[in-house]
C-alpha atoms as a PDB file:
ATOM      1  CA  UNK A   1     111.120 182.200 198.638  1.00  0.00           C
ATOM      2  CA  UNK A   2     111.064 181.294 194.980  1.00  0.00           C
ATOM      3  CA  UNK A   3     108.145 179.306 193.595  1.00  0.00           C
ATOM      4  CA  UNK A   4     109.169 176.266 191.602  1.00  0.00           C
ATOM      5  CA  UNK A   5     107.812 176.258 188.067  1.00  0.00           C
ATOM      6  CA  UNK A   6     106.763 172.845 186.842  1.00  0.00           C
ATOM      7  CA  UNK A   7     107.610 172.209 183.204  1.00  0.00           C
ATOM      8  CA  UNK A   8     105.750 169.500 181.359  1.00  0.00           C
ATOM      9  CA  UNK A   9     107.678 167.052 179.216  1.00  0.00           C
ATOM     10  CA  UNK A  10     106.910 164.001 177.112  1.00  0.00           C
ATOM     11  CA  UNK A  11     103.272 163.165 176.534  1.00  0.00           C
ATOM     12  CA  UNK A  12     102.071 165.886 178.944  1.00  0.00           C
ATOM     13  CA  UNK A  13     103.796 168.528 176.821  1.00  0.00           C
ATOM     14  CA  UNK A  14     102.353 166.893 173.682  1.00  0.00           C
ATOM     15  CA  UNK A  15      98.770 167.064 175.036  1.00  0.00           C
ATOM     16  CA  UNK A  16      99.311 170.595 176.363  1.00  0.00           C
ATOM     17  CA  UNK A  17     100.457 171.714 172.906  1.00  0.00           C
ATOM     18  CA  UNK A  18      97.411 170.161 171.213  1.00  0.00           C
ATOM     19  CA  UNK A  19      95.042 171.912 173.626  1.00  0.00           C
ATOM     20  CA  UNK A  20      96.942 175.192 173.368  1.00  0.00           C
ATOM     21  CA  UNK A  21      96.826 175.201 169.565  1.00  0.00           C
ATOM     22  CA  UNK A  22      93.186 174.087 169.419  1.00  0.00           C
ATOM     23  CA  UNK A  23      91.999 176.729 171.908  1.00  0.00           C
ATOM     24  CA  UNK A  24      92.276 179.794 169.606  1.00  0.00           C
ATOM     25  CA  UNK A  25      90.518 177.852 166.834  1.00  0.00           C
ATOM     26  CA  UNK A  26      87.550 177.052 169.072  1.00  0.00           C
ATOM     27  CA  UNK A  27      87.381 180.586 170.468  1.00  0.00           C
ATOM     28  CA  UNK A  28      87.745 182.103 166.997  1.00  0.00           C
ATOM     29  CA  UNK A  29      84.867 180.001 165.696  1.00  0.00           C
ATOM     30  CA  UNK A  30      82.600 181.107 168.545  1.00  0.00           C
ATOM     31  CA  UNK A  31      83.458 184.762 167.943  1.00  0.00           C
ATOM     32  CA  UNK A  32      82.874 184.671 164.193  1.00  0.00           C
ATOM     33  CA  UNK A  33      79.385 183.186 163.899  1.00  0.00           C
ATOM     34  CA  UNK A  34      79.333 183.538 160.106  1.00  0.00           C
ATOM     35  CA  UNK A  35      81.939 180.747 159.855  1.00  0.00           C
ATOM     36  CA  UNK A  36      79.428 178.323 161.341  1.00  0.00           C
ATOM     37  CA  UNK A  37      76.992 179.162 158.563  1.00  0.00           C
ATOM     38  CA  UNK A  38      79.574 178.879 155.788  1.00  0.00           C
ATOM     39  CA  UNK A  39      81.054 175.627 157.130  1.00  0.00           C
ATOM     40  CA  UNK A  40      77.776 173.856 157.945  1.00  0.00           C
ATOM     41  CA  UNK A  41      74.950 175.035 155.707  1.00  0.00           C
ATOM     42  CA  UNK A  42      76.654 175.945 152.442  1.00  0.00           C
ATOM     43  CA  UNK A  43      78.147 172.444 151.921  1.00  0.00           C
ATOM     44  CA  UNK A  44      74.617 171.063 152.286  1.00  0.00           C
ATOM     45  CA  UNK A  45      73.637 172.797 149.033  1.00  0.00           C
ATOM     46  CA  UNK A  46      75.912 170.634 146.880  1.00  0.00           C
ATOM     47  CA  UNK A  47      74.793 167.500 148.730  1.00  0.00           C
ATOM     48  CA  UNK A  48      71.138 168.430 148.178  1.00  0.00           C
ATOM     49  CA  UNK A  49      71.817 168.977 144.476  1.00  0.00           C
ATOM     50  CA  UNK A  50      73.127 165.418 144.081  1.00  0.00           C
ATOM     51  CA  UNK A  51      70.168 164.057 146.053  1.00  0.00           C
ATOM     52  CA  UNK A  52      67.667 165.735 143.727  1.00  0.00           C
ATOM     53  CA  UNK A  53      69.592 164.603 140.643  1.00  0.00           C
ATOM     54  CA  UNK A  54      69.553 160.970 141.785  1.00  0.00           C
ATOM     55  CA  UNK A  55      65.853 161.177 142.585  1.00  0.00           C
ATOM     56  CA  UNK A  56      65.106 162.790 139.229  1.00  0.00           C
ATOM     57  CA  UNK A  57      66.732 159.915 137.321  1.00  0.00           C
ATOM     58  CA  UNK A  58      65.115 157.288 139.551  1.00  0.00           C
ATOM     59  CA  UNK A  59      68.331 155.971 141.102  1.00  0.00           C
ATOM     60  CA  UNK A  60      68.088 153.482 144.012  1.00  0.00           C
ATOM     61  CA  UNK A  61      67.609 155.037 147.436  1.00  0.00           C
ATOM     62  CA  UNK A  62      71.015 153.703 148.513  1.00  0.00           C
ATOM     63  CA  UNK A  63      72.650 156.183 146.132  1.00  0.00           C
ATOM     64  CA  UNK A  64      71.073 159.026 148.079  1.00  0.00           C
ATOM     65  CA  UNK A  65      72.600 157.516 151.198  1.00  0.00           C
ATOM     66  CA  UNK A  66      75.961 157.395 149.438  1.00  0.00           C
ATOM     67  CA  UNK A  67      75.684 161.140 148.807  1.00  0.00           C
ATOM     68  CA  UNK A  68      74.770 161.876 152.432  1.00  0.00           C
ATOM     69  CA  UNK A  69      77.729 159.887 153.790  1.00  0.00           C
ATOM     70  CA  UNK A  70      80.106 161.352 151.204  1.00  0.00           C
ATOM     71  CA  UNK A  71      78.876 164.869 151.892  1.00  0.00           C
ATOM     72  CA  UNK A  72      79.506 164.408 155.604  1.00  0.00           C
ATOM     73  CA  UNK A  73      83.069 163.273 154.910  1.00  0.00           C
ATOM     74  CA  UNK A  74      83.862 166.363 152.823  1.00  0.00           C
ATOM     75  CA  UNK A  75      84.236 168.252 156.103  1.00  0.00           C
ATOM     76  CA  UNK A  76      87.167 166.030 157.048  1.00  0.00           C
ATOM     77  CA  UNK A  77      88.865 166.450 153.668  1.00  0.00           C
ATOM     78  CA  UNK A  78      88.453 170.234 153.810  1.00  0.00           C
ATOM     79  CA  UNK A  79      89.889 170.216 157.325  1.00  0.00           C
ATOM     80  CA  UNK A  80      92.906 168.224 156.141  1.00  0.00           C
ATOM     81  CA  UNK A  81      93.431 170.393 153.074  1.00  0.00           C
ATOM     82  CA  UNK A  82      93.012 173.872 154.548  1.00  0.00           C
ATOM     83  CA  UNK A  83      93.568 173.472 158.300  1.00  0.00           C
ATOM     84  CA  UNK A  84      96.358 170.886 158.438  1.00  0.00           C
ATOM     85  CA  UNK A  85      98.234 170.646 155.132  1.00  0.00           C
ATOM     86  CA  UNK A  86      98.424 174.434 154.780  1.00  0.00           C
ATOM     87  CA  UNK A  87      98.916 175.059 158.502  1.00  0.00           C
ATOM     88  CA  UNK A  88     102.711 175.392 158.640  1.00  0.00           C
ATOM     89  CA  UNK A  89     102.727 177.593 155.537  1.00  0.00           C
ATOM     90  CA  UNK A  90     100.178 179.938 157.116  1.00  0.00           C
ATOM     91  CA  UNK A  91     102.114 179.954 160.385  1.00  0.00           C
ATOM     92  CA  UNK A  92     105.205 181.015 158.449  1.00  0.00           C
ATOM     93  CA  UNK A  93     103.281 183.840 156.768  1.00  0.00           C
ATOM     94  CA  UNK A  94     101.986 185.108 160.124  1.00  0.00           C
ATOM     95  CA  UNK A  95     105.404 184.855 161.792  1.00  0.00           C
ATOM     96  CA  UNK A  96     104.565 182.072 164.258  1.00  0.00           C
ATOM     97  CA  UNK A  97     106.526 179.223 162.664  1.00  0.00           C
ATOM     98  CA  UNK A  98     109.863 180.343 164.108  1.00  0.00           C
ATOM     99  CA  UNK A  99     108.348 180.266 167.614  1.00  0.00           C
ATOM    100  CA  UNK A 100     107.012 176.741 167.077  1.00  0.00           C
ATOM    101  CA  UNK A 101     110.375 175.465 165.854  1.00  0.00           C
ATOM    102  CA  UNK A 102     112.230 177.051 168.799  1.00  0.00           C
ATOM    103  CA  UNK A 103     109.736 175.655 171.322  1.00  0.00           C
ATOM    104  CA  UNK A 104     110.486 172.315 173.060  1.00  0.00           C
ATOM    105  CA  UNK A 105     107.334 170.667 171.724  1.00  0.00           C
ATOM    106  CA  UNK A 106     106.682 168.511 168.659  1.00  0.00           C
ATOM    107  CA  UNK A 107     105.336 169.925 165.371  1.00  0.00           C
ATOM    108  CA  UNK A 108     102.961 166.952 165.109  1.00  0.00           C
ATOM    109  CA  UNK A 109     101.192 168.205 168.247  1.00  0.00           C
ATOM    110  CA  UNK A 110     100.768 171.648 166.675  1.00  0.00           C
ATOM    111  CA  UNK A 111      99.166 170.120 163.593  1.00  0.00           C
ATOM    112  CA  UNK A 112      96.876 167.842 165.611  1.00  0.00           C
ATOM    113  CA  UNK A 113      95.549 170.865 167.495  1.00  0.00           C
ATOM    114  CA  UNK A 114      94.376 172.527 164.279  1.00  0.00           C
ATOM    115  CA  UNK A 115      90.702 168.378 164.037  1.00  0.00           C
ATOM    116  CA  UNK A 116      66.646 164.804 156.324  1.00  0.00           C
ATOM    117  CA  UNK A 117      66.184 162.650 153.130  1.00  0.00           C
ATOM    118  CA  UNK A 118      64.423 159.489 154.428  1.00  0.00           C
ATOM    119  CA  UNK A 119      67.456 157.299 153.787  1.00  0.00           C
ATOM    120  CA  UNK A 120      67.244 153.730 155.074  1.00  0.00           C
ATOM    121  CA  UNK A 121      70.306 152.313 156.833  1.00  0.00           C
ATOM    122  CA  UNK A 122      71.107 148.691 157.610  1.00  0.00           C
ATOM    123  CA  UNK A 123      74.099 148.570 159.935  1.00  0.00           C
ATOM    124  CA  UNK A 124      76.044 145.355 159.455  1.00  0.00           C
ATOM    125  CA  UNK A 125      78.734 145.504 162.147  1.00  0.00           C
ATOM    126  CA  UNK A 126      79.023 148.471 164.477  1.00  0.00           C
ATOM    127  CA  UNK A 127      82.536 147.570 165.607  1.00  0.00           C
ATOM    128  CA  UNK A 128      83.780 147.174 162.050  1.00  0.00           C
ATOM    129  CA  UNK A 129      82.219 150.525 161.162  1.00  0.00           C
ATOM    130  CA  UNK A 130      83.902 152.165 164.156  1.00  0.00           C
ATOM    131  CA  UNK A 131      87.236 150.554 163.253  1.00  0.00           C
ATOM    132  CA  UNK A 132      86.979 151.684 159.616  1.00  0.00           C
ATOM    133  CA  UNK A 133      86.215 155.264 160.657  1.00  0.00           C
ATOM    134  CA  UNK A 134      89.082 155.323 163.169  1.00  0.00           C
ATOM    135  CA  UNK A 135      91.604 153.897 160.695  1.00  0.00           C
ATOM    136  CA  UNK A 136      90.437 156.196 157.888  1.00  0.00           C
ATOM    137  CA  UNK A 137      90.746 159.280 160.106  1.00  0.00           C
ATOM    138  CA  UNK A 138      94.138 158.164 161.449  1.00  0.00           C
ATOM    139  CA  UNK A 139      95.487 157.612 157.944  1.00  0.00           C
ATOM    140  CA  UNK A 140      93.888 160.817 156.660  1.00  0.00           C
ATOM    141  CA  UNK A 141      95.327 163.043 159.386  1.00  0.00           C
ATOM    142  CA  UNK A 142      98.683 161.295 159.006  1.00  0.00           C
ATOM    143  CA  UNK A 143      98.505 162.236 155.333  1.00  0.00           C
ATOM    144  CA  UNK A 144      97.664 165.808 156.339  1.00  0.00           C
ATOM    145  CA  UNK A 145     100.689 166.032 158.641  1.00  0.00           C
ATOM    146  CA  UNK A 146     102.907 164.622 155.893  1.00  0.00           C
ATOM    147  CA  UNK A 147     101.694 167.094 153.263  1.00  0.00           C
ATOM    148  CA  UNK A 148     102.052 169.986 155.725  1.00  0.00           C
ATOM    149  CA  UNK A 149     105.835 169.781 155.442  1.00  0.00           C
ATOM    150  CA  UNK A 150     105.601 169.541 151.647  1.00  0.00           C
ATOM    151  CA  UNK A 151     103.323 172.583 151.494  1.00  0.00           C
ATOM    152  CA  UNK A 152     105.816 174.471 153.646  1.00  0.00           C
ATOM    153  CA  UNK A 153     108.612 173.722 151.172  1.00  0.00           C
ATOM    154  CA  UNK A 154     106.433 174.775 148.239  1.00  0.00           C
ATOM    155  CA  UNK A 155     105.589 178.047 150.017  1.00  0.00           C
ATOM    156  CA  UNK A 156     103.311 180.216 147.855  1.00  0.00           C
ATOM    157  CA  UNK A 157     102.516 177.337 145.515  1.00  0.00           C
ATOM    158  CA  UNK A 158     100.777 175.586 148.433  1.00  0.00           C
ATOM    159  CA  UNK A 159      97.674 177.757 147.997  1.00  0.00           C
ATOM    160  CA  UNK A 160      97.308 176.710 144.357  1.00  0.00           C
ATOM    161  CA  UNK A 161      97.907 173.035 145.133  1.00  0.00           C
ATOM    162  CA  UNK A 162      95.258 173.112 147.865  1.00  0.00           C
ATOM    163  CA  UNK A 163      92.765 174.574 145.395  1.00  0.00           C
ATOM    164  CA  UNK A 164      93.765 171.993 142.791  1.00  0.00           C
ATOM    165  CA  UNK A 165      93.358 169.095 145.219  1.00  0.00           C
ATOM    166  CA  UNK A 166      89.851 170.053 146.312  1.00  0.00           C
ATOM    167  CA  UNK A 167      87.358 169.232 143.550  1.00  0.00           C
ATOM    168  CA  UNK A 168      89.362 166.442 141.798  1.00  0.00           C
ATOM    169  CA  UNK A 169      89.514 164.508 145.070  1.00  0.00           C
ATOM    170  CA  UNK A 170      85.723 164.668 145.342  1.00  0.00           C
ATOM    171  CA  UNK A 171      85.667 162.850 141.997  1.00  0.00           C
ATOM    172  CA  UNK A 172      88.417 160.238 142.317  1.00  0.00           C
ATOM    173  CA  UNK A 173      87.614 159.388 145.950  1.00  0.00           C
ATOM    174  CA  UNK A 174      83.967 158.681 145.117  1.00  0.00           C
ATOM    175  CA  UNK A 175      82.378 161.147 147.505  1.00  0.00           C
ATOM    176  CA  UNK A 176      79.012 161.032 145.714  1.00  0.00           C
ATOM    177  CA  UNK A 177      79.026 157.648 143.950  1.00  0.00           C
ATOM    178  CA  UNK A 178      80.478 154.136 144.400  1.00  0.00           C
ATOM    179  CA  UNK A 179      84.190 154.007 143.575  1.00  0.00           C
ATOM    180  CA  UNK A 180      83.491 150.691 141.842  1.00  0.00           C
ATOM    181  CA  UNK A 181      82.071 152.732 138.945  1.00  0.00           C
ATOM    182  CA  UNK A 182      85.664 153.455 137.900  1.00  0.00           C
ATOM    183  CA  UNK A 183      88.033 151.109 136.113  1.00  0.00           C
ATOM    184  CA  UNK A 184      89.770 148.792 138.616  1.00  0.00           C
ATOM    185  CA  UNK A 185      93.178 150.413 138.203  1.00  0.00           C
ATOM    186  CA  UNK A 186      91.758 153.930 138.500  1.00  0.00           C
ATOM    187  CA  UNK A 187      89.991 152.944 141.714  1.00  0.00           C
ATOM    188  CA  UNK A 188      93.152 151.228 142.968  1.00  0.00           C
ATOM    189  CA  UNK A 189      95.217 154.365 142.315  1.00  0.00           C
ATOM    190  CA  UNK A 190      92.596 156.502 144.079  1.00  0.00           C
ATOM    191  CA  UNK A 191      92.862 154.208 147.116  1.00  0.00           C
ATOM    192  CA  UNK A 192      96.093 155.952 148.132  1.00  0.00           C
ATOM    193  CA  UNK A 193      93.723 158.582 149.553  1.00  0.00           C
ATOM    194  CA  UNK A 194      92.409 157.060 152.820  1.00  0.00           C
ATOM    195  CA  UNK A 195      88.924 158.520 152.351  1.00  0.00           C
ATOM    196  CA  UNK A 196      88.430 156.416 149.209  1.00  0.00           C
ATOM    197  CA  UNK A 197      88.565 153.060 150.983  1.00  0.00           C
ATOM    198  CA  UNK A 198      87.081 154.523 154.159  1.00  0.00           C
ATOM    199  CA  UNK A 199      83.949 155.692 152.347  1.00  0.00           C
ATOM    200  CA  UNK A 200      83.675 152.453 150.393  1.00  0.00           C
ATOM    201  CA  UNK A 201      83.921 150.306 153.529  1.00  0.00           C
ATOM    202  CA  UNK A 202      81.459 152.443 155.503  1.00  0.00           C
ATOM    203  CA  UNK A 203      78.923 152.292 152.681  1.00  0.00           C
ATOM    204  CA  UNK A 204      79.231 148.514 152.546  1.00  0.00           C
ATOM    205  CA  UNK A 205      78.584 148.305 156.285  1.00  0.00           C
ATOM    206  CA  UNK A 206      75.724 150.817 156.428  1.00  0.00           C
ATOM    207  CA  UNK A 207      73.562 150.256 153.327  1.00  0.00           C
ATOM    208  CA  UNK A 208      71.707 147.063 152.302  1.00  0.00           C
ATOM    209  CA  UNK A 209      73.119 147.022 148.755  1.00  0.00           C
ATOM    210  CA  UNK A 210      76.523 148.296 149.871  1.00  0.00           C
ATOM    211  CA  UNK A 211      78.423 144.991 149.522  1.00  0.00           C
ATOM    212  CA  UNK A 212      77.220 144.579 145.923  1.00  0.00           C
ATOM    213  CA  UNK A 213      78.547 148.044 145.038  1.00  0.00           C
ATOM    214  CA  UNK A 214      81.745 147.799 147.069  1.00  0.00           C
ATOM    215  CA  UNK A 215      85.191 148.000 145.498  1.00  0.00           C
ATOM    216  CA  UNK A 216      86.950 145.471 147.761  1.00  0.00           C
ATOM    217  CA  UNK A 217      85.985 143.267 150.674  1.00  0.00           C
ATOM    218  CA  UNK A 218      85.632 145.223 153.928  1.00  0.00           C
ATOM    219  CA  UNK A 219      88.317 143.166 155.682  1.00  0.00           C
ATOM    220  CA  UNK A 220      90.758 143.813 152.845  1.00  0.00           C
ATOM    221  CA  UNK A 221      90.011 147.537 153.017  1.00  0.00           C
ATOM    222  CA  UNK A 222      90.554 147.531 156.798  1.00  0.00           C
ATOM    223  CA  UNK A 223      93.946 145.879 156.257  1.00  0.00           C
ATOM    224  CA  UNK A 224      94.929 148.457 153.608  1.00  0.00           C
ATOM    225  CA  UNK A 225      93.751 151.363 155.786  1.00  0.00           C
ATOM    226  CA  UNK A 226      95.888 150.041 158.644  1.00  0.00           C
ATOM    227  CA  UNK A 227      98.909 150.023 156.342  1.00  0.00           C
ATOM    228  CA  UNK A 228      98.159 153.537 155.082  1.00  0.00           C
ATOM    229  CA  UNK A 229      97.836 154.822 158.653  1.00  0.00           C
ATOM    230  CA  UNK A 230     101.260 153.451 159.593  1.00  0.00           C
ATOM    231  CA  UNK A 231     102.802 154.667 156.318  1.00  0.00           C
ATOM    232  CA  UNK A 232     101.510 158.239 156.489  1.00  0.00           C
ATOM    233  CA  UNK A 233     102.198 158.767 160.199  1.00  0.00           C
ATOM    234  CA  UNK A 234     105.743 157.415 159.820  1.00  0.00           C
ATOM    235  CA  UNK A 235     106.338 159.578 156.741  1.00  0.00           C
ATOM    236  CA  UNK A 236     104.902 162.616 158.547  1.00  0.00           C
ATOM    237  CA  UNK A 237     107.215 162.085 161.504  1.00  0.00           C
ATOM    238  CA  UNK A 238     110.268 161.757 159.233  1.00  0.00           C
ATOM    239  CA  UNK A 239     109.421 164.790 157.090  1.00  0.00           C
ATOM    240  CA  UNK A 240     108.557 167.051 160.025  1.00  0.00           C
ATOM    241  CA  UNK A 241     111.797 166.133 161.786  1.00  0.00           C
ATOM    242  CA  UNK A 242     113.648 166.879 158.570  1.00  0.00           C
ATOM    243  CA  UNK A 243     111.981 170.294 158.434  1.00  0.00           C
ATOM    244  CA  UNK A 244     113.022 171.000 162.024  1.00  0.00           C
ATOM    245  CA  UNK A 245     116.629 169.998 161.313  1.00  0.00           C
ATOM    246  CA  UNK A 246     116.607 172.155 158.182  1.00  0.00           C
ATOM    247  CA  UNK A 247     115.353 175.127 160.171  1.00  0.00           C
ATOM    248  CA  UNK A 248     118.034 174.647 162.833  1.00  0.00           C
ATOM    249  CA  UNK A 249     120.871 174.114 160.339  1.00  0.00           C
ATOM    250  CA  UNK A 250     120.080 176.841 157.801  1.00  0.00           C
ATOM    251  CA  UNK A 251     117.994 179.213 159.893  1.00  0.00           C
ATOM    252  CA  UNK A 252     115.907 180.389 156.928  1.00  0.00           C
ATOM    253  CA  UNK A 253     112.986 177.977 156.718  1.00  0.00           C
ATOM    254  CA  UNK A 254     110.651 180.636 158.070  1.00  0.00           C
ATOM    255  CA  UNK A 255     111.637 183.158 155.404  1.00  0.00           C
ATOM    256  CA  UNK A 256     109.105 183.840 152.639  1.00  0.00           C
ATOM    257  CA  UNK A 257     110.190 182.748 149.191  1.00  0.00           C
ATOM    258  CA  UNK A 258     110.034 185.432 146.506  1.00  0.00           C
END
């Protein structure tokens, strides 16, 4: 008597793919303990440097809070840059991309499976803060999925672009200072990166002097983040489907460019 094999489809297959792709990442992290040190403690050194600089020049305590919040968000940007945007390129280099494209699942599920200073806080609205964080992360990971297909097309150049996009984004997104310090149009251009408005809105909601140093009103920033989330996720879906069709039609997307 043959045993029937149940095959998941739809959202069950989507969730199964996310868990399946995330599993080796979690296991790999637990096996290589040095990664925990490099990913957690080393980034704290740069944050501490900014804290001591602000204290040395007598800056308001809120600025130290800005650094702490911005430093915490660098983990998300690094995850987008190196674990999501570069993911498909790395999968191609290791020979797994062809298997992903031939599988019945969605490439978006594969990408989704890859997610102390005496500062005084004054939380304005918890629900607004939660909404801002959710929208910023949704837009940011949508941006990561969109750039993953672009990095795949660029092939070897993806490594250089990822390096190029690391430090400049810390500057233009205002990781360690209020984005309002820039010219209006510079800050507006930097707002295409979801973390820019996400950080600005969270600082306005968390710190007493946040609204005075904010770039735009929190409600306006929530509206813009909602639009960015829809834009990036839609663009990611279109580009990833285009990559799949290209792979099926030409059969050479997984080849390394020389």
